[in-house]
C-alpha atoms as a PDB file:
ATOM      1  CA  MET A   1     103.994 105.097 115.598  1.00  0.00           C
ATOM      2  CA  MET A   2     106.250 102.091 116.164  1.00  0.00           C
ATOM      3  CA  ASP A   3     106.640 102.832 119.857  1.00  0.00           C
ATOM      4  CA  SER A   4     102.864 102.712 120.363  1.00  0.00           C
ATOM      5  CA  PHE A   5     102.669  99.438 118.393  1.00  0.00           C
ATOM      6  CA  PHE A   6     105.376  97.873 120.562  1.00  0.00           C
ATOM      7  CA  ARG A   7     103.631  99.083 123.743  1.00  0.00           C
ATOM      8  CA  ARG A   8     100.349  97.467 122.566  1.00  0.00           C
ATOM      9  CA  MET A   9     102.297  94.235 122.041  1.00  0.00           C
ATOM     10  CA  SER A  10     103.842  94.593 125.551  1.00  0.00           C
ATOM     11  CA  LEU A  11     107.322  94.722 124.020  1.00  0.00           C
ATOM     12  CA  SER A  12     110.186  96.847 125.210  1.00  0.00           C
ATOM     13  CA  ILE A  13     112.504  97.673 122.315  1.00  0.00           C
ATOM     14  CA  GLU A  14     115.977  99.157 122.582  1.00  0.00           C
ATOM     15  CA  TYR A  15     116.897 101.115 119.484  1.00  0.00           C
ATOM     16  CA  ALA A  16     120.593 100.872 118.657  1.00  0.00           C
ATOM     17  CA  LEU A  17     120.443 103.093 115.594  1.00  0.00           C
ATOM     18  CA  GLU A  18     117.933 105.144 113.649  1.00  0.00           C
ATOM     19  CA  SER A  19     118.544 106.125 110.039  1.00  0.00           C
ATOM     20  CA  SER A  20     116.495 107.377 107.124  1.00  0.00           C
ATOM     21  CA  ASN A  21     118.835 105.703 104.615  1.00  0.00           C
ATOM     22  CA  VAL A  22     117.123 102.469 103.553  1.00  0.00           C
ATOM     23  CA  ALA A  23     120.236 101.052 101.851  1.00  0.00           C
ATOM     24  CA  THR A  24     122.324 101.503 105.001  1.00  0.00           C
ATOM     25  CA  ILE A  25     119.684  99.857 107.179  1.00  0.00           C
ATOM     26  CA  LYS A  26     119.244  96.997 104.714  1.00  0.00           C
ATOM     27  CA  HIS A  27     122.993  96.295 104.659  1.00  0.00           C
ATOM     28  CA  MET A  28     123.161  96.393 108.460  1.00  0.00           C
ATOM     29  CA  VAL A  29     120.344  93.828 108.686  1.00  0.00           C
ATOM     30  CA  MET A  30     122.087  91.628 106.088  1.00  0.00           C
ATOM     31  CA  ALA A  31     125.252  91.865 108.216  1.00  0.00           C
ATOM     32  CA  GLY A  32     123.280  90.448 111.138  1.00  0.00           C
ATOM     33  CA  LEU A  33     123.243  93.646 113.198  1.00  0.00           C
ATOM     34  CA  GLY A  34     119.522  93.564 113.988  1.00  0.00           C
ATOM     35  CA  LEU A  35     115.994  93.708 112.636  1.00  0.00           C
ATOM     36  CA  SER A  36     114.275  96.473 110.732  1.00  0.00           C
ATOM     37  CA  LEU A  37     110.999  97.455 109.135  1.00  0.00           C
ATOM     38  CA  LEU A  38     111.810  98.224 105.505  1.00  0.00           C
ATOM     39  CA  PRO A  39     109.763  98.962 102.377  1.00  0.00           C
ATOM     40  CA  GLU A  40     109.207  95.734 100.475  1.00  0.00           C
ATOM     41  CA  ILE A  41     110.289  97.357  97.218  1.00  0.00           C
ATOM     42  CA  ALA A  42     113.719  98.030  98.753  1.00  0.00           C
ATOM     43  CA  VAL A  43     114.344  94.395  99.697  1.00  0.00           C
ATOM     44  CA  GLY A  44     112.675  92.426  96.892  1.00  0.00           C
ATOM     45  CA  ASP A  45     115.914  91.055  95.426  1.00  0.00           C
ATOM     46  CA  GLU A  46     117.242  90.153  98.864  1.00  0.00           C
ATOM     47  CA  ILE A  47     114.015  88.319  99.740  1.00  0.00           C
ATOM     48  CA  ARG A  48     114.012  86.422  96.425  1.00  0.00           C
ATOM     49  CA  ASP A  49     117.612  85.255  96.721  1.00  0.00           C
ATOM     50  CA  GLY A  50     117.371  84.398 100.428  1.00  0.00           C
ATOM     51  CA  ARG A  51     119.664  87.055 101.890  1.00  0.00           C
ATOM     52  CA  LEU A  52     116.744  88.432 103.920  1.00  0.00           C
ATOM     53  CA  VAL A  53     113.692  86.710 105.365  1.00  0.00           C
ATOM     54  CA  ARG A  54     110.323  88.387 105.767  1.00  0.00           C
ATOM     55  CA  ILE A  55     108.467  88.123 109.068  1.00  0.00           C
ATOM     56  CA  ASP A  56     104.765  88.972 108.852  1.00  0.00           C
ATOM     57  CA  VAL A  57     103.780  90.883 111.985  1.00  0.00           C
ATOM     58  CA  GLN A  58     100.144  90.320 112.841  1.00  0.00           C
ATOM     59  CA  GLY A  59      98.308  93.538 113.691  1.00  0.00           C
ATOM     60  CA  LEU A  60     100.897  95.851 112.172  1.00  0.00           C
ATOM     61  CA  TYR A  61      99.499  98.262 109.600  1.00  0.00           C
ATOM     62  CA  MET A  62     101.589 101.142 108.333  1.00  0.00           C
ATOM     63  CA  ALA A  63     100.418 103.956 106.089  1.00  0.00           C
ATOM     64  CA  GLN A  64     103.139 105.627 104.073  1.00  0.00           C
ATOM     65  CA  LYS A  65     102.972 109.162 102.744  1.00  0.00           C
ATOM     66  CA  MET A  66     103.891 108.994  99.081  1.00  0.00           C
ATOM     67  CA  THR A  67     104.715 111.896  96.815  1.00  0.00           C
ATOM     68  CA  LEU A  68     104.439 111.879  93.041  1.00  0.00           C
ATOM     69  CA  TYR A  69     106.843 114.191  91.224  1.00  0.00           C
ATOM     70  CA  TYR A  70     107.072 115.318  87.641  1.00  0.00           C
ATOM     71  CA  LYS A  71     109.167 117.830  85.737  1.00  0.00           C
ATOM     72  CA  SER A  72     107.537 121.222  86.271  1.00  0.00           C
ATOM     73  CA  ASN A  73     107.897 122.526  82.703  1.00  0.00           C
ATOM     74  CA  ARG A  74     106.632 119.303  81.135  1.00  0.00           C
ATOM     75  CA  THR A  75     103.091 118.632  79.949  1.00  0.00           C
ATOM     76  CA  LEU A  76     101.774 115.399  81.403  1.00  0.00           C
ATOM     77  CA  THR A  77     100.261 112.756  79.148  1.00  0.00           C
ATOM     78  CA  PRO A  78      96.484 112.407  79.577  1.00  0.00           C
ATOM     79  CA  PRO A  79      96.779 109.220  81.721  1.00  0.00           C
ATOM     80  CA  ALA A  80      99.484 110.796  83.926  1.00  0.00           C
ATOM     81  CA  GLY A  81      97.437 113.979  84.240  1.00  0.00           C
ATOM     82  CA  SER A  82      94.348 111.987  85.232  1.00  0.00           C
ATOM     83  CA  PHE A  83      96.349 110.066  87.836  1.00  0.00           C
ATOM     84  CA  SER A  84      97.839 113.295  89.178  1.00  0.00           C
ATOM     85  CA  VAL A  85      94.457 115.023  89.457  1.00  0.00           C
ATOM     86  CA  SER A  86      92.845 111.920  90.984  1.00  0.00           C
ATOM     87  CA  SER A  87      95.675 111.587  93.529  1.00  0.00           C
ATOM     88  CA  SER A  88      95.746 115.258  94.475  1.00  0.00           C
ATOM     89  CA  ALA A  89      91.982 115.337  94.980  1.00  0.00           C
ATOM     90  CA  ARG A  90      92.507 112.912  97.878  1.00  0.00           C
ATOM     91  CA  SER A  91      95.562 114.663  99.327  1.00  0.00           C
ATOM     92  CA  GLY A  92      96.092 117.685 101.467  1.00  0.00           C
ATOM     93  CA  PRO A  93      94.073 118.862 104.453  1.00  0.00           C
ATOM     94  CA  SER A  94      90.471 117.731 104.176  1.00  0.00           C
ATOM     95  CA  GLY A  95      91.147 116.431 100.658  1.00  0.00           C
ATOM     96  CA  SER A  96      91.561 119.997  99.435  1.00  0.00           C
ATOM     97  CA  GLY A  97      93.361 118.873  96.313  1.00  0.00           C
ATOM     98  CA  ALA A  98      95.821 121.777  96.560  1.00  0.00           C
ATOM     99  CA  ARG A  99      98.885 121.072  94.422  1.00  0.00           C
ATOM    100  CA  THR A 100     102.375 122.418  94.159  1.00  0.00           C
ATOM    101  CA  PRO A 101     103.564 122.431  90.519  1.00  0.00           C
ATOM    102  CA  GLY A 102     105.655 119.331  89.914  1.00  0.00           C
ATOM    103  CA  LYS A 103     104.460 117.566  93.060  1.00  0.00           C
ATOM    104  CA  THR A 104     101.392 115.584  94.108  1.00  0.00           C
ATOM    105  CA  GLU A 105     101.063 114.116  97.594  1.00  0.00           C
ATOM    106  CA  ARG A 106      98.952 111.177  98.639  1.00  0.00           C
ATOM    107  CA  THR A 107      98.838 109.064 101.781  1.00  0.00           C
ATOM    108  CA  THR A 108      98.292 105.390 101.087  1.00  0.00           C
END
């Protein structure tokens, strides 16, 4: 996804490191070792106190697959159950709403 975005922007990017660990990436960026796309929730404190600076990238839209989990032997409260059913109705192939106990997937 990012490669195609960079190609559309006529940018050639050399990746020095790829990692799925957000904390590691965040600390590497704070150490001045490069730039990264990170979830805003993971860097809120660092943005507020000035350790990191946000750059808005025009034309960049990213959808993130999110998964909602709950304890499988627990009864959900009515609001949580409604949210779970509403979310699962929009997830899965063709919005099938198929659910695995304890897990609800939704792409946002």
